[in-house]
C-alpha cells in the first residue's frame, strides 16, 4: 500500500443497518482514516450497523455517524460497500439513491465494491461506463448500459465522475490504492 496522506479529504460511506459485508466497510474506512481522511458512515437509521461475513455470519457492529438525510454534501468521494442484503436494501432507500445521483452530477468520484454497484444501477449513473462487480450483477449492469469486466478493480475516468468498482473483499488490495488515487484527484474535479 502507498503512504498517501489524505488529510483534509472527506469520504461518505453509505450503508443500511443490516447486511453490509464487514470487510467492504471496515477495511476501507480504517484504511482511509489511517491515512488522514475523515470518513463518515451514513446509514438508513442511527442504530448500529450489523455487518456480516460472507453474507451469513455476524460480523462487527459499527456505529454510524449519521443518516443519509443528515449527512450533508461536503464530501470528496462516495464509498458504497456491498453485501448482498445491504446492497439490495440500499437501492430501495431514496436517500441513498439521491446521494449517488448528487455525487455523480457534481463530478465527485464514487467507489463501489461487490454488490454495491446495484445502487449505481438504481441511480441511473452507469450507462456508457466500464465497471466490475460481484459476477451475479453483470447482467444488471449490462442492462443498465455499462460494460462489465471481470477484473479485481476497474477505474473509469472517462465520464463526468471517476468511477472505481471492485468484485469482492478478496480484491481489497487492488481496490484500496484505486480508492486513494480517486480521492486524491477529487479536488481537481468540480465540486
C-alpha atoms as a PDB file:
ATOM      1  CA  UNK A   1       0.000   0.000   0.000  1.00  0.00           C
ATOM      2  CA  UNK A   2       1.109   3.533  -0.663  1.00  0.00           C
ATOM      3  CA  UNK A   3       1.675   6.020   2.097  1.00  0.00           C
ATOM      4  CA  UNK A   4      -0.578   8.700   0.643  1.00  0.00           C
ATOM      5  CA  UNK A   5      -1.549  11.470   3.024  1.00  0.00           C
ATOM      6  CA  UNK A   6      -5.246  12.104   2.696  1.00  0.00           C
ATOM      7  CA  UNK A   7      -5.553  14.749   5.389  1.00  0.00           C
ATOM      8  CA  UNK A   8      -8.272  17.244   4.516  1.00  0.00           C
ATOM      9  CA  UNK A   9     -10.237  14.801   2.350  1.00  0.00           C
ATOM     10  CA  UNK A  10     -13.748  13.727   3.330  1.00  0.00           C
ATOM     11  CA  UNK A  11     -15.367  10.422   2.402  1.00  0.00           C
ATOM     12  CA  UNK A  12     -19.003   9.426   2.825  1.00  0.00           C
ATOM     13  CA  UNK A  13     -19.767   5.697   3.139  1.00  0.00           C
ATOM     14  CA  UNK A  14     -23.429   4.730   2.739  1.00  0.00           C
ATOM     15  CA  UNK A  15     -24.889   1.504   4.130  1.00  0.00           C
ATOM     16  CA  UNK A  16     -28.083   0.072   5.530  1.00  0.00           C
ATOM     17  CA  UNK A  17     -28.199  -1.075   9.129  1.00  0.00           C
ATOM     18  CA  UNK A  18     -28.008  -4.785   8.363  1.00  0.00           C
ATOM     19  CA  UNK A  19     -26.074  -6.969   5.983  1.00  0.00           C
ATOM     20  CA  UNK A  20     -23.118  -4.926   4.779  1.00  0.00           C
ATOM     21  CA  UNK A  21     -20.102  -7.178   4.151  1.00  0.00           C
ATOM     22  CA  UNK A  22     -17.814  -6.477   7.114  1.00  0.00           C
ATOM     23  CA  UNK A  23     -14.503  -6.112   5.267  1.00  0.00           C
ATOM     24  CA  UNK A  24     -16.014  -3.999   2.487  1.00  0.00           C
ATOM     25  CA  UNK A  25     -16.971  -1.368   5.067  1.00  0.00           C
ATOM     26  CA  UNK A  26     -14.460  -1.757   7.884  1.00  0.00           C
ATOM     27  CA  UNK A  27     -11.262  -2.226   5.850  1.00  0.00           C
ATOM     28  CA  UNK A  28     -11.676   0.832   3.551  1.00  0.00           C
ATOM     29  CA  UNK A  29     -12.912   3.040   6.412  1.00  0.00           C
ATOM     30  CA  UNK A  30      -9.975   2.127   8.648  1.00  0.00           C
ATOM     31  CA  UNK A  31      -7.516   2.365   5.732  1.00  0.00           C
ATOM     32  CA  UNK A  32      -8.655   5.855   4.751  1.00  0.00           C
ATOM     33  CA  UNK A  33      -8.743   7.085   8.361  1.00  0.00           C
ATOM     34  CA  UNK A  34      -5.202   5.775   8.953  1.00  0.00           C
ATOM     35  CA  UNK A  35      -4.072   7.935   6.031  1.00  0.00           C
ATOM     36  CA  UNK A  36      -5.720  11.035   7.455  1.00  0.00           C
ATOM     37  CA  UNK A  37      -9.050  11.184   5.645  1.00  0.00           C
ATOM     38  CA  UNK A  38     -12.244  11.959   7.508  1.00  0.00           C
ATOM     39  CA  UNK A  39     -14.706   9.136   6.859  1.00  0.00           C
ATOM     40  CA  UNK A  40     -18.363   9.494   7.780  1.00  0.00           C
ATOM     41  CA  UNK A  41     -20.568   6.400   7.805  1.00  0.00           C
ATOM     42  CA  UNK A  42     -24.187   7.224   6.941  1.00  0.00           C
ATOM     43  CA  UNK A  43     -26.849   4.576   7.460  1.00  0.00           C
ATOM     44  CA  UNK A  44     -30.584   4.357   6.997  1.00  0.00           C
ATOM     45  CA  UNK A  45     -31.043   4.852  10.762  1.00  0.00           C
ATOM     46  CA  UNK A  46     -28.811   5.854  13.666  1.00  0.00           C
ATOM     47  CA  UNK A  47     -28.964   2.310  15.083  1.00  0.00           C
ATOM     48  CA  UNK A  48     -25.816   0.196  14.983  1.00  0.00           C
ATOM     49  CA  UNK A  49     -24.901  -1.337  11.629  1.00  0.00           C
ATOM     50  CA  UNK A  50     -24.684  -5.125  11.854  1.00  0.00           C
ATOM     51  CA  UNK A  51     -22.099  -6.333   9.372  1.00  0.00           C
ATOM     52  CA  UNK A  52     -21.964  -9.853   8.029  1.00  0.00           C
ATOM     53  CA  UNK A  53     -19.096 -12.053   6.904  1.00  0.00           C
ATOM     54  CA  UNK A  54     -19.813 -13.973   3.730  1.00  0.00           C
ATOM     55  CA  UNK A  55     -23.417 -12.724   3.717  1.00  0.00           C
ATOM     56  CA  UNK A  56     -24.329 -15.036   6.609  1.00  0.00           C
ATOM     57  CA  UNK A  57     -22.108 -14.935   9.701  1.00  0.00           C
ATOM     58  CA  UNK A  58     -22.423 -11.990  12.122  1.00  0.00           C
ATOM     59  CA  UNK A  59     -19.513  -9.588  11.892  1.00  0.00           C
ATOM     60  CA  UNK A  60     -18.582  -6.441  13.750  1.00  0.00           C
ATOM     61  CA  UNK A  61     -21.169  -3.918  14.800  1.00  0.00           C
ATOM     62  CA  UNK A  62     -20.404  -0.407  13.520  1.00  0.00           C
ATOM     63  CA  UNK A  63     -21.976   2.740  14.917  1.00  0.00           C
ATOM     64  CA  UNK A  64     -22.944   5.068  12.050  1.00  0.00           C
ATOM     65  CA  UNK A  65     -22.024   8.742  12.312  1.00  0.00           C
ATOM     66  CA  UNK A  66     -25.232   9.963  10.714  1.00  0.00           C
ATOM     67  CA  UNK A  67     -28.133   9.051   8.436  1.00  0.00           C
ATOM     68  CA  UNK A  68     -28.489   9.568   4.681  1.00  0.00           C
ATOM     69  CA  UNK A  69     -30.753  12.556   5.215  1.00  0.00           C
ATOM     70  CA  UNK A  70     -28.460  14.258   7.721  1.00  0.00           C
ATOM     71  CA  UNK A  71     -25.091  13.566   6.091  1.00  0.00           C
ATOM     72  CA  UNK A  72     -24.772  16.827   4.188  1.00  0.00           C
ATOM     73  CA  UNK A  73     -22.884  17.179   0.941  1.00  0.00           C
ATOM     74  CA  UNK A  74     -19.382  18.350   1.856  1.00  0.00           C
ATOM     75  CA  UNK A  75     -17.559  15.180   0.793  1.00  0.00           C
ATOM     76  CA  UNK A  76     -14.910  14.396  -1.785  1.00  0.00           C
ATOM     77  CA  UNK A  77     -15.771  10.750  -2.510  1.00  0.00           C
ATOM     78  CA  UNK A  78     -18.684   8.356  -2.044  1.00  0.00           C
ATOM     79  CA  UNK A  79     -17.973   4.779  -0.894  1.00  0.00           C
ATOM     80  CA  UNK A  80     -20.627   2.105  -1.449  1.00  0.00           C
ATOM     81  CA  UNK A  81     -19.775  -1.206   0.228  1.00  0.00           C
ATOM     82  CA  UNK A  82     -21.588  -4.377  -0.757  1.00  0.00           C
ATOM     83  CA  UNK A  83     -23.001  -7.362   0.986  1.00  0.00           C
ATOM     84  CA  UNK A  84     -25.993  -8.827  -0.807  1.00  0.00           C
ATOM     85  CA  UNK A  85     -28.601  -7.906   1.815  1.00  0.00           C
ATOM     86  CA  UNK A  86     -27.184  -4.417   2.352  1.00  0.00           C
ATOM     87  CA  UNK A  87     -26.916  -3.617  -1.354  1.00  0.00           C
ATOM     88  CA  UNK A  88     -30.371  -4.924  -2.171  1.00  0.00           C
ATOM     89  CA  UNK A  89     -31.933  -2.804   0.595  1.00  0.00           C
ATOM     90  CA  UNK A  90     -29.714   0.218  -0.124  1.00  0.00           C
ATOM     91  CA  UNK A  91     -31.014   0.582  -3.670  1.00  0.00           C
ATOM     92  CA  UNK A  92     -34.531   0.907  -2.244  1.00  0.00           C
ATOM     93  CA  UNK A  93     -33.527   3.771   0.074  1.00  0.00           C
ATOM     94  CA  UNK A  94     -34.477   7.049  -1.622  1.00  0.00           C
ATOM     95  CA  UNK A  95     -31.899   8.970   0.416  1.00  0.00           C
ATOM     96  CA  UNK A  96     -29.084   6.660  -0.630  1.00  0.00           C
ATOM     97  CA  UNK A  97     -30.044   6.753  -4.310  1.00  0.00           C
ATOM     98  CA  UNK A  98     -30.326  10.554  -4.170  1.00  0.00           C
ATOM     99  CA  UNK A  99     -26.842  10.675  -2.642  1.00  0.00           C
ATOM    100  CA  UNK A 100     -25.415   8.600  -5.503  1.00  0.00           C
ATOM    101  CA  UNK A 101     -27.067  10.892  -8.056  1.00  0.00           C
ATOM    102  CA  UNK A 102     -25.779  14.005  -6.271  1.00  0.00           C
ATOM    103  CA  UNK A 103     -22.186  12.764  -6.303  1.00  0.00           C
ATOM    104  CA  UNK A 104     -22.397  11.749  -9.957  1.00  0.00           C
ATOM    105  CA  UNK A 105     -23.970  15.011 -11.096  1.00  0.00           C
ATOM    106  CA  UNK A 106     -21.399  17.075  -9.204  1.00  0.00           C
ATOM    107  CA  UNK A 107     -18.458  15.198 -10.732  1.00  0.00           C
ATOM    108  CA  UNK A 108     -17.194  13.738  -7.455  1.00  0.00           C
ATOM    109  CA  UNK A 109     -15.755  10.213  -7.529  1.00  0.00           C
ATOM    110  CA  UNK A 110     -17.743   7.152  -6.496  1.00  0.00           C
ATOM    111  CA  UNK A 111     -16.260   3.818  -5.400  1.00  0.00           C
ATOM    112  CA  UNK A 112     -18.403   0.684  -5.112  1.00  0.00           C
ATOM    113  CA  UNK A 113     -17.448  -2.892  -4.329  1.00  0.00           C
ATOM    114  CA  UNK A 114     -19.106  -6.292  -4.742  1.00  0.00           C
ATOM    115  CA  UNK A 115     -22.904  -5.796  -4.748  1.00  0.00           C
ATOM    116  CA  UNK A 116     -22.543  -2.042  -4.127  1.00  0.00           C
ATOM    117  CA  UNK A 117     -22.954  -1.215  -7.840  1.00  0.00           C
ATOM    118  CA  UNK A 118     -26.661  -2.067  -7.538  1.00  0.00           C
ATOM    119  CA  UNK A 119     -27.067   1.452  -6.110  1.00  0.00           C
ATOM    120  CA  UNK A 120     -25.352   2.828  -9.230  1.00  0.00           C
ATOM    121  CA  UNK A 121     -27.838   0.966 -11.429  1.00  0.00           C
ATOM    122  CA  UNK A 122     -30.770   2.283  -9.401  1.00  0.00           C
ATOM    123  CA  UNK A 123     -29.399   5.837  -9.621  1.00  0.00           C
ATOM    124  CA  UNK A 124     -29.012   5.537 -13.395  1.00  0.00           C
ATOM    125  CA  UNK A 125     -25.337   6.532 -13.474  1.00  0.00           C
ATOM    126  CA  UNK A 126     -23.580   3.588 -15.163  1.00  0.00           C
ATOM    127  CA  UNK A 127     -24.641   3.980 -18.803  1.00  0.00           C
ATOM    128  CA  UNK A 128     -21.558   4.055 -21.001  1.00  0.00           C
ATOM    129  CA  UNK A 129     -19.228   3.284 -18.095  1.00  0.00           C
ATOM    130  CA  UNK A 130     -16.863   0.338 -17.584  1.00  0.00           C
ATOM    131  CA  UNK A 131     -17.427  -1.439 -14.280  1.00  0.00           C
ATOM    132  CA  UNK A 132     -16.791  -4.615 -12.372  1.00  0.00           C
ATOM    133  CA  UNK A 133     -18.745  -6.154  -9.510  1.00  0.00           C
ATOM    134  CA  UNK A 134     -19.671  -9.434  -7.947  1.00  0.00           C
ATOM    135  CA  UNK A 135     -20.335 -11.635 -11.007  1.00  0.00           C
ATOM    136  CA  UNK A 136     -24.064 -12.017 -10.348  1.00  0.00           C
ATOM    137  CA  UNK A 137     -24.563  -8.284 -11.063  1.00  0.00           C
ATOM    138  CA  UNK A 138     -23.056  -8.366 -14.564  1.00  0.00           C
ATOM    139  CA  UNK A 139     -26.421  -8.722 -16.333  1.00  0.00           C
ATOM    140  CA  UNK A 140     -27.976  -5.915 -14.262  1.00  0.00           C
ATOM    141  CA  UNK A 141     -25.041  -3.653 -15.077  1.00  0.00           C
ATOM    142  CA  UNK A 142     -25.072  -4.524 -18.775  1.00  0.00           C
ATOM    143  CA  UNK A 143     -28.835  -3.947 -18.909  1.00  0.00           C
ATOM    144  CA  UNK A 144     -28.204  -0.501 -17.381  1.00  0.00           C
ATOM    145  CA  UNK A 145     -25.821   0.313 -20.254  1.00  0.00           C
ATOM    146  CA  UNK A 146     -22.464  -0.425 -18.615  1.00  0.00           C
ATOM    147  CA  UNK A 147     -19.616  -2.517 -19.959  1.00  0.00           C
ATOM    148  CA  UNK A 148     -18.904  -5.197 -17.349  1.00  0.00           C
ATOM    149  CA  UNK A 149     -15.353  -6.530 -16.957  1.00  0.00           C
ATOM    150  CA  UNK A 150     -14.082  -9.404 -14.817  1.00  0.00           C
ATOM    151  CA  UNK A 151     -11.082  -7.885 -13.075  1.00  0.00           C
ATOM    152  CA  UNK A 152     -10.124  -7.043  -9.499  1.00  0.00           C
ATOM    153  CA  UNK A 153     -10.690  -3.328  -9.946  1.00  0.00           C
ATOM    154  CA  UNK A 154     -11.985  -1.069 -12.701  1.00  0.00           C
ATOM    155  CA  UNK A 155     -11.180   2.637 -12.788  1.00  0.00           C
ATOM    156  CA  UNK A 156     -13.311   4.506 -15.305  1.00  0.00           C
ATOM    157  CA  UNK A 157     -12.449   8.179 -15.507  1.00  0.00           C
ATOM    158  CA  UNK A 158     -13.954   8.663 -18.959  1.00  0.00           C
ATOM    159  CA  UNK A 159     -17.201  10.182 -17.756  1.00  0.00           C
ATOM    160  CA  UNK A 160     -18.258  13.172 -15.700  1.00  0.00           C
ATOM    161  CA  UNK A 161     -17.035  11.483 -12.497  1.00  0.00           C
ATOM    162  CA  UNK A 162     -14.381   8.887 -11.697  1.00  0.00           C
ATOM    163  CA  UNK A 163     -15.953   5.503 -11.020  1.00  0.00           C
ATOM    164  CA  UNK A 164     -13.969   2.867  -9.124  1.00  0.00           C
ATOM    165  CA  UNK A 165     -15.502  -0.602  -8.829  1.00  0.00           C
ATOM    166  CA  UNK A 166     -14.284  -3.917  -7.484  1.00  0.00           C
ATOM    167  CA  UNK A 167     -15.559  -7.508  -7.281  1.00  0.00           C
ATOM    168  CA  UNK A 168     -15.194  -8.911  -3.757  1.00  0.00           C
ATOM    169  CA  UNK A 169     -13.354  -8.485  -0.448  1.00  0.00           C
ATOM    170  CA  UNK A 170     -10.625 -10.662  -1.982  1.00  0.00           C
ATOM    171  CA  UNK A 171      -9.819  -7.689  -4.245  1.00  0.00           C
ATOM    172  CA  UNK A 172      -9.353  -5.109  -1.476  1.00  0.00           C
ATOM    173  CA  UNK A 173      -5.575  -4.989  -2.056  1.00  0.00           C
ATOM    174  CA  UNK A 174      -6.290  -3.545  -5.518  1.00  0.00           C
ATOM    175  CA  UNK A 175      -9.395  -1.564  -4.537  1.00  0.00           C
ATOM    176  CA  UNK A 176      -7.773   0.447  -1.727  1.00  0.00           C
ATOM    177  CA  UNK A 177      -4.992   2.070  -3.841  1.00  0.00           C
ATOM    178  CA  UNK A 178      -7.552   2.866  -6.569  1.00  0.00           C
ATOM    179  CA  UNK A 179      -9.783   4.421  -3.910  1.00  0.00           C
ATOM    180  CA  UNK A 180      -6.882   6.533  -2.634  1.00  0.00           C
ATOM    181  CA  UNK A 181      -5.986   7.676  -6.157  1.00  0.00           C
ATOM    182  CA  UNK A 182      -9.575   8.696  -6.934  1.00  0.00           C
ATOM    183  CA  UNK A 183      -9.822  10.551  -3.629  1.00  0.00           C
ATOM    184  CA  UNK A 184      -6.509  12.344  -4.078  1.00  0.00           C
ATOM    185  CA  UNK A 185      -7.575  13.505  -7.550  1.00  0.00           C
ATOM    186  CA  UNK A 186     -11.034  14.587  -6.376  1.00  0.00           C
ATOM    187  CA  UNK A 187     -10.004  18.160  -5.651  1.00  0.00           C
ATOM    188  CA  UNK A 188      -9.201  18.560  -9.345  1.00  0.00           C
ATOM    189  CA  UNK A 189     -12.824  17.821 -10.237  1.00  0.00           C
ATOM    190  CA  UNK A 190     -15.761  20.168  -9.974  1.00  0.00           C
ATOM    191  CA  UNK A 191     -17.479  20.220  -6.596  1.00  0.00           C
END
